[in-house]
Amino acid sequence: MAAMYKVRPVHGAEGLAGPLPTCMYRLPNLHRSPATGTATGTATLQEEVDPSLQALESRQDEILKRLYELKSAVDGLSKMIQTPDADFDVTNIIQTDEFSPLTANGADLDLMLGKDYGALKDVVINANPSHPPLSLLVLHSLLCERYKILSAVHTHSSVKSVPENLLKCFGEQTKKQPRHEYQLGFTLIWKDVPKPQMKFSIQTMCPIEGEGNIARFLFSLFGQKYNAVTSTLIDSWVDTAMLQLQEGSSKERAAVLRSMNAALGRGSWLVGSELSLADVVAWCALQRTGTAHSTPANVQKWMKSCENLAPFSSVLKLLK
């Protein structure tokens, strides 16, 4: 079969017009001076450096210098701070806390809640009667031992009926005094809400939601002073009681009870040597779950110690 196209060979001597190129593009030599064609010296290269590059290098040197100075300052401060070892027993720190009885003189409410001339600062709590916030009732009784509190219970229209014992959960105020003679107002409204809500400044404050969060706020009115370790342990027990002991599964409750039994084996209360918010919330959580009678020995002893106090015993009567 004959070829369709015939192409002249390009590799032969007859088909070449000149020598083959050794590169695709020819570029000028950057290392030679355009005027003389000779290689430039070091001084010439330094003169041709971009000024923006020099500014960037100077800025980098300045940053590195400042970082070095900061590192030296931090190293000096670290030598002044004594950091405890990781296995340090936190009970030593807890024992150094200066606990004051909850029935001692109260804190400055004007300083904590703000001064409101001509009006009584009123804590207003909305709660569902189907899930009464027991810890808030205990804290109300404890606050009444320290402050002159004007207490009131109301029923919202969203609730059809409220048990008689909940309508009288604050008891009867025997002495009726003018409103301005009280230090704090405490109003509980039984309302159809998914979780307890609290305000102490109706016009300007966003509501605090959740029984544990409201309990933290009310307990702060006692003016108790704790160090960081003790405060963290109390907060941890409050969260554990609300999330695992009260709302958790049976396995979670059993694990919490074991932890409580171990903690109460080292002292009479969950944290420190005095009653704290951790005891209030944990006791109320056990009462809410109905497992108060099936707890370990140390927990049983602790529960009896709580119930020997009037605020706990009064709330216990509401459950009967």
Protein backbone atom coordinates (compact mmCIF):
# COMPACT_ATOMS: atom_id res chain seq x y z
CA MET A 1 0.00 0.00 0.00
CA ALA A 2 1.45 3.36 -1.03
CA ALA A 3 1.94 6.15 1.55
CA MET A 4 -0.66 8.91 1.53
CA TYR A 5 1.77 11.69 2.50
CA LYS A 6 5.49 12.02 1.98
CA VAL A 7 7.49 14.08 4.52
CA ARG A 8 11.06 15.19 4.00
CA PRO A 9 13.46 13.98 6.73
CA VAL A 10 14.68 16.69 9.12
CA HIS A 11 17.58 14.84 10.69
CA GLY A 12 19.70 14.64 7.66
CA ALA A 13 22.39 17.10 6.76
CA GLU A 14 20.57 18.21 3.61
CA GLY A 15 17.36 19.25 5.43
CA LEU A 16 19.00 21.48 8.09
CA ALA A 17 19.42 25.18 7.57
CA GLY A 18 21.57 25.58 10.66
CA PRO A 19 22.41 24.07 14.09
CA LEU A 20 19.56 22.85 16.30
CA PRO A 21 18.73 25.10 19.36
CA THR A 22 19.67 23.88 22.82
CA CYS A 23 16.76 25.63 24.66
CA MET A 24 13.27 26.81 23.84
CA TYR A 25 13.71 30.47 24.92
CA ARG A 26 16.78 32.61 25.24
CA LEU A 27 16.87 34.85 28.38
CA PRO A 28 19.42 37.44 29.38
CA ASN A 29 21.88 36.53 32.09
CA LEU A 30 20.67 38.13 35.32
CA HIS A 31 24.07 37.73 36.97
CA ARG A 32 25.85 40.02 34.52
CA SER A 33 25.77 43.78 34.40
CA PRO A 34 23.69 45.01 31.44
CA ALA A 35 26.34 47.65 30.65
CA THR A 36 29.56 45.67 30.91
CA GLY A 37 28.32 42.12 30.66
CA THR A 38 30.46 41.16 33.65
CA ALA A 39 29.24 39.53 36.89
CA THR A 40 28.02 42.03 39.50
CA GLY A 41 29.51 42.16 42.97
CA THR A 42 27.89 41.75 46.37
CA ALA A 43 27.57 45.50 46.86
CA THR A 44 25.59 45.86 43.65
CA LEU A 45 23.14 43.12 44.68
CA GLN A 46 22.58 44.76 48.09
CA GLU A 47 21.84 48.08 46.42
CA GLU A 48 19.17 46.45 44.25
CA VAL A 49 17.21 44.86 47.24
CA ASP A 50 13.53 45.85 47.30
CA PRO A 51 12.85 48.47 50.04
CA SER A 52 9.58 46.73 51.01
CA LEU A 53 11.56 43.55 51.68
CA GLN A 54 13.95 45.45 53.94
CA ALA A 55 10.96 46.94 55.85
CA LEU A 56 9.49 43.47 56.31
CA GLU A 57 12.78 42.12 57.67
CA SER A 58 13.05 45.03 60.10
CA ARG A 59 9.49 44.43 61.32
CA GLN A 60 10.22 40.75 61.85
CA ASP A 61 13.32 41.58 63.89
CA GLU A 62 11.27 43.98 66.05
CA ILE A 63 8.56 41.34 66.69
CA LEU A 64 11.14 38.73 67.64
CA LYS A 65 12.75 41.19 70.02
CA ARG A 66 9.40 41.93 71.74
CA LEU A 67 8.59 38.21 72.00
CA TYR A 68 11.93 37.62 73.67
CA GLU A 69 11.22 40.40 76.18
CA LEU A 70 7.77 38.95 76.93
CA LYS A 71 9.24 35.48 77.41
CA SER A 72 11.76 36.86 79.88
CA ALA A 73 8.97 38.62 81.82
CA VAL A 74 6.85 35.45 81.98
CA ASP A 75 9.82 33.39 83.13
CA GLY A 76 10.38 35.90 85.91
CA LEU A 77 6.76 35.76 87.04
CA SER A 78 6.67 31.96 86.97
CA LYS A 79 9.45 31.87 89.54
CA MET A 80 7.29 33.96 91.91
CA ILE A 81 4.25 31.65 91.73
CA GLN A 82 4.15 28.38 93.65
CA THR A 83 2.14 25.88 91.59
CA PRO A 84 0.83 22.84 93.54
CA ASP A 85 1.64 19.39 92.28
CA ALA A 86 -0.96 17.51 90.26
CA ASP A 87 -1.49 14.98 93.04
CA PHE A 88 -1.96 17.64 95.73
CA ASP A 89 -4.82 16.80 98.11
CA VAL A 90 -7.50 19.48 97.64
CA THR A 91 -8.99 18.69 101.05
CA ASN A 92 -6.13 20.68 102.59
CA ILE A 93 -7.31 23.76 100.72
CA ILE A 94 -10.96 23.16 101.62
CA GLN A 95 -10.12 22.92 105.30
CA THR A 96 -8.52 26.35 105.22
CA ASP A 97 -11.79 27.98 104.08
CA GLU A 98 -13.35 30.25 106.67
CA PHE A 99 -16.94 29.02 106.77
CA SER A 100 -19.46 31.18 108.56
CA PRO A 101 -22.82 29.78 109.71
CA LEU A 102 -25.72 30.52 107.36
CA THR A 103 -27.59 32.14 110.24
CA ALA A 104 -24.90 34.80 110.76
CA ASN A 105 -25.34 38.42 109.79
CA GLY A 106 -26.43 38.88 106.19
CA ALA A 107 -24.56 40.42 103.30
CA ASP A 108 -25.21 43.90 101.98
CA LEU A 109 -28.22 43.32 99.72
CA ASP A 110 -28.00 46.82 98.26
CA LEU A 111 -24.45 46.07 97.19
CA MET A 112 -25.39 42.70 95.66
CA LEU A 113 -28.76 43.56 94.10
CA GLY A 114 -28.39 47.29 93.56
CA LYS A 115 -29.86 50.21 95.48
CA ASP A 116 -33.45 50.99 94.56
CA TYR A 117 -34.67 53.96 96.54
CA GLY A 118 -38.31 53.88 97.54
CA ALA A 119 -38.95 50.29 96.39
CA LEU A 120 -38.45 46.86 97.90
CA LYS A 121 -36.18 44.58 95.89
CA ASP A 122 -38.42 41.64 95.02
CA VAL A 123 -37.25 38.21 93.87
CA VAL A 124 -39.98 36.76 91.63
CA ILE A 125 -39.92 33.05 90.77
CA ASN A 126 -42.20 31.23 88.31
CA ALA A 127 -42.43 27.50 88.94
CA ASN A 128 -44.60 24.61 87.80
CA PRO A 129 -46.62 23.04 90.64
CA SER A 130 -46.25 19.60 89.05
CA HIS A 131 -42.47 19.86 89.67
CA PRO A 132 -42.06 22.08 92.75
CA PRO A 133 -38.49 23.41 93.17
CA LEU A 134 -37.74 21.97 96.59
CA SER A 135 -34.26 23.47 96.87
CA LEU A 136 -35.67 26.98 96.40
CA LEU A 137 -38.12 26.39 99.24
CA VAL A 138 -35.29 25.26 101.52
CA LEU A 139 -33.22 28.32 100.60
CA HIS A 140 -36.22 30.57 101.25
CA SER A 141 -36.46 29.23 104.79
CA LEU A 142 -32.73 29.73 105.33
CA LEU A 143 -32.93 33.29 104.01
CA CYS A 144 -35.80 34.04 106.38
CA GLU A 145 -33.47 33.21 109.28
CA ARG A 146 -31.11 35.97 108.15
CA TYR A 147 -33.25 38.69 106.53
CA LYS A 148 -36.66 40.26 106.97
CA ILE A 149 -38.43 38.80 103.95
CA LEU A 150 -41.89 39.63 102.65
CA SER A 151 -43.08 36.30 101.22
CA ALA A 152 -46.05 35.76 98.91
CA VAL A 153 -47.47 32.89 96.84
CA HIS A 154 -49.70 33.44 93.80
CA THR A 155 -51.31 31.26 91.12
CA HIS A 156 -51.13 32.13 87.43
CA SER A 157 -54.14 31.70 85.15
CA SER A 158 -52.25 29.05 83.15
CA VAL A 159 -52.58 26.67 86.11
CA LYS A 160 -56.00 25.23 86.85
CA SER A 161 -55.40 24.03 90.39
CA VAL A 162 -52.58 23.97 92.94
CA PRO A 163 -52.44 21.66 95.99
CA GLU A 164 -53.20 23.38 99.26
CA ASN A 165 -49.81 22.57 100.76
CA LEU A 166 -48.03 24.34 97.88
CA LEU A 167 -50.22 27.42 98.28
CA LYS A 168 -49.02 27.58 101.90
CA CYS A 169 -45.43 26.50 101.25
CA PHE A 170 -44.10 29.71 102.86
CA GLY A 171 -46.27 29.36 105.94
CA GLU A 172 -48.19 32.19 107.52
CA GLN A 173 -46.57 35.53 108.20
CA THR A 174 -47.79 36.36 111.68
CA LYS A 175 -46.43 39.91 111.78
CA LYS A 176 -47.74 42.22 109.09
CA GLN A 177 -45.37 45.16 108.69
CA PRO A 178 -45.26 48.00 106.18
CA ARG A 179 -43.58 46.94 102.94
CA HIS A 180 -40.66 49.35 103.33
CA GLU A 181 -39.62 47.70 106.63
CA TYR A 182 -38.66 44.45 104.88
CA GLN A 183 -35.21 43.82 103.45
CA LEU A 184 -36.23 41.56 100.57
CA GLY A 185 -39.37 40.42 98.81
CA PHE A 186 -39.79 36.77 97.78
CA THR A 187 -42.72 36.05 95.47
CA LEU A 188 -43.45 32.57 94.15
CA ILE A 189 -45.91 32.25 91.25
CA TRP A 190 -47.20 28.79 90.37
CA LYS A 191 -47.26 28.90 86.58
CA ASP A 192 -47.24 26.49 83.65
CA VAL A 193 -43.55 26.84 82.72
CA PRO A 194 -41.14 24.11 81.51
CA LYS A 195 -38.50 25.06 84.10
CA PRO A 196 -38.30 27.52 87.02
CA GLN A 197 -37.63 31.14 86.08
CA MET A 198 -36.45 33.97 88.32
CA LYS A 199 -36.12 37.75 88.12
CA PHE A 200 -35.27 40.33 90.77
CA SER A 201 -35.49 43.30 88.41
CA ILE A 202 -38.61 42.90 86.29
CA GLN A 203 -37.94 45.70 83.80
CA THR A 204 -34.21 45.32 83.14
CA MET A 205 -33.22 41.72 83.83
CA CYS A 206 -33.32 38.64 81.64
CA PRO A 207 -34.77 35.66 83.54
CA ILE A 208 -32.50 33.13 85.22
CA GLU A 209 -33.74 29.67 84.22
CA GLY A 210 -33.24 26.32 85.89
CA GLU A 211 -33.56 25.30 89.52
CA GLY A 212 -29.81 24.85 89.95
CA ASN A 213 -28.98 28.31 88.56
CA ILE A 214 -31.62 30.02 90.69
CA ALA A 215 -30.36 28.13 93.74
CA ARG A 216 -26.84 29.43 93.07
CA PHE A 217 -28.14 33.00 92.96
CA LEU A 218 -30.18 32.68 96.17
CA PHE A 219 -27.29 31.04 98.01
CA SER A 220 -25.01 33.92 97.02
CA LEU A 221 -27.22 36.21 99.12
CA PHE A 222 -25.78 34.60 102.24
CA GLY A 223 -22.42 36.21 101.43
CA GLN A 224 -20.43 32.99 101.89
CA LYS A 225 -16.78 33.28 100.83
CA TYR A 226 -15.06 30.23 99.35
CA ASN A 227 -11.76 29.71 97.61
CA ALA A 228 -11.65 28.59 93.98
CA VAL A 229 -11.32 24.87 94.74
CA THR A 230 -14.27 24.80 97.15
CA SER A 231 -16.48 26.84 94.79
CA THR A 232 -15.68 24.46 91.95
CA LEU A 233 -16.54 21.40 94.03
CA ILE A 234 -19.85 22.92 95.13
CA ASP A 235 -20.78 23.77 91.53
CA SER A 236 -19.83 20.26 90.45
CA TRP A 237 -22.09 18.67 93.08
CA VAL A 238 -24.98 20.96 92.12
CA ASP A 239 -24.68 19.97 88.45
CA THR A 240 -24.32 16.30 89.35
CA ALA A 241 -27.42 16.40 91.56
CA MET A 242 -29.58 18.17 88.95
CA LEU A 243 -28.41 16.38 85.79
CA GLN A 244 -27.51 12.87 86.97
CA LEU A 245 -29.14 12.26 90.34
CA GLN A 246 -32.49 13.88 89.52
CA GLU A 247 -32.76 13.45 85.75
CA GLY A 248 -30.27 10.67 84.97
CA SER A 249 -30.68 6.94 84.45
CA SER A 250 -30.61 4.34 87.20
CA LYS A 251 -26.94 3.61 86.48
CA GLU A 252 -26.05 7.29 86.74
CA ARG A 253 -27.92 7.61 90.04
CA ALA A 254 -26.14 4.58 91.45
CA ALA A 255 -22.76 6.05 90.47
CA VAL A 256 -23.62 9.39 92.09
CA LEU A 257 -24.73 7.68 95.31
CA ARG A 258 -21.42 5.83 95.47
CA SER A 259 -19.54 9.11 95.06
CA MET A 260 -21.69 10.77 97.71
CA ASN A 261 -21.14 7.88 100.11
CA ALA A 262 -17.37 8.14 99.64
CA ALA A 263 -17.37 11.93 100.13
CA LEU A 264 -19.55 11.72 103.24
CA GLY A 265 -17.22 9.09 104.65
CA ARG A 266 -14.58 11.83 104.95
CA GLY A 267 -16.83 14.47 106.52
CA SER A 268 -20.33 15.32 107.71
CA TRP A 269 -21.16 17.41 104.61
CA LEU A 270 -20.47 17.03 100.91
CA VAL A 271 -18.01 19.95 100.77
CA GLY A 272 -16.14 21.33 103.75
CA SER A 273 -17.20 21.31 107.38
CA GLU A 274 -20.47 23.27 107.06
CA LEU A 275 -23.74 23.02 105.18
CA SER A 276 -23.42 24.33 101.61
CA LEU A 277 -25.52 24.63 98.48
CA ALA A 278 -24.29 21.19 97.42
CA ASP A 279 -26.08 19.60 100.40
CA VAL A 280 -29.31 21.53 99.77
CA VAL A 281 -29.60 20.62 96.09
CA ALA A 282 -28.46 16.99 96.52
CA TRP A 283 -30.92 16.37 99.40
CA CYS A 284 -33.81 17.82 97.39
CA ALA A 285 -32.84 15.76 94.33
CA LEU A 286 -32.99 12.57 96.39
CA GLN A 287 -36.41 13.53 97.73
CA ARG A 288 -37.63 14.27 94.21
CA THR A 289 -36.51 10.89 92.82
CA GLY A 290 -38.03 8.93 95.70
CA THR A 291 -34.79 7.02 96.37
CA ALA A 292 -34.10 8.57 99.77
CA HIS A 293 -34.80 5.29 101.61
CA SER A 294 -32.48 3.12 99.46
CA THR A 295 -29.23 5.02 99.88
CA PRO A 296 -25.87 3.88 101.37
CA ALA A 297 -25.12 4.22 105.09
CA ASN A 298 -23.16 7.47 104.97
CA VAL A 299 -25.81 9.08 102.77
CA GLN A 300 -28.55 7.98 105.18
CA LYS A 301 -26.72 9.56 108.10
CA TRP A 302 -26.21 12.77 106.12
CA MET A 303 -29.88 12.95 105.16
CA LYS A 304 -30.91 12.70 108.80
CA SER A 305 -28.52 15.54 109.63
CA CYS A 306 -30.20 17.67 106.98
CA GLU A 307 -33.69 16.79 108.17
CA ASN A 308 -32.81 17.81 111.72
CA LEU A 309 -32.64 21.39 110.40
CA ALA A 310 -35.97 23.25 110.32
CA PRO A 311 -35.81 24.37 106.65
CA PHE A 312 -35.44 20.76 105.47
CA SER A 313 -38.07 19.35 107.82
CA SER A 314 -40.61 21.98 106.72
CA VAL A 315 -40.11 21.05 103.07
CA LEU A 316 -40.32 17.36 103.96
CA LYS A 317 -43.83 17.97 105.29
CA LEU A 318 -44.90 19.25 101.87
CA LEU A 319 -44.10 15.87 100.32
CA LYS A 320 -46.38 13.95 102.66
